[in-house]
Amino acid sequence: MSIRLFSQQSASAVPFVPNFEVLSTNVQAAILEALALARTYADQVASGLDPKEAVMVATDAPLPGTISYATLNQINSDAALGVIDGTYTPVNGQRILVKDQVASQYNGIYVVTSAAAPFKLTRSADADNSPGFEVTSGMYTIAIYGDHGATGWVLLAADPVVLNVTPLPFGILCMADAASVTNTPSGNLEATTVQAAIDELDTEKAALTGATFTGRVVQTPQALTSTAGSISIDAALGNNFYHTTTEDTVLAAPSNPVAGQFITITITQGTPVRTLGYNEFWKFPQGYVPPLTATVGAVDTLFAYVEQGATQAICRLANDRK
């Protein structure tokens, strides 16, 4: 799957291929697109964008009925809200992006207060300028459903924004490839399917919080390699690692360590015998760094506990396991 990011200055598309780990295989198909889009949020903040919570759908035409703007943060109509963007019918309490009003100063992110006739929309709490500067140039959200589902929209207005005064045009920023997204009842972004997936993930998270495990909890050890005299280790991959020496090398500071994490590395001496040094992240009692067993085929095990702050780990090396 890929996402196309659209520049505000040009119509060119830049492919972006997300790389993320699916946490639950039985919900993978249902949330794949949503996870891929969500993964771009951190990059968007760094790019000057202001990401907001996703909306269920974005309009593709002006809202139905006779519209009135009775208060600063509300849109009222004499009609029912009905179907938006071809296929999705919002219900009370859901967020929607209004982006196609003729009077564009009333565009924005709204919550459905009442979907039945006469419908009422209220600007969302994170996009009503209370406090100020919630609505700025670069405000960004993802529309999940509708004919244009899995699409990101960005506010192109000039700062400062005065609600109901400043025109609020929205432009498309990113979208999933059409071939990979369907919003039909059999598609992988069907509302009931995605909500069931979210509920299942929440249940799994709750079950794991403070859980006591009986029986085995197994994690497959991850192989480590040495390149140019250094062994890189990503602590986010797990707790158990192994390495067979191929050169004199140094164990680098791990990326993504977490305070309280236990790390175990099983080290087997290759041929010929090699040495292992340690980055300052790895601390040993009384500052003594024990050498590896200098015998071909010898197996040593490094046990490490990541301390508070995750800037160092206290270690012990069990030499020459038999």
Foldseek 3Di string as FASTA:
>chain_A
DWKWFADPVDRDTDTDDDDDDDDDVVLCLQCVLVVRLVVCVVVLVVVVAAEDEAFQEEAPAAFDADWDDPDLFKIWHQAARQDGQAHDQDAAQTKYFYAHHPLQLNTAIWGWNHRHGRTMTGHDPQISVVVHPSDAFRYKHAHAAHPQHSWMKTWHWHPPRDRPPTRTHIDTTMHDPPVQADAPPVTSSDPVSNVVSVVVVVVVVVCPVVHDDDDDDDDDAAEWDDDPQETEAACVNDAHYEYEDDEAHEYEQYHPDDAFGKHKYKYFYAPQGYWYHYDPQEAEPPRDDDIADRDHGFIKMKIWGQHPPSSHTYIDIRYRDD
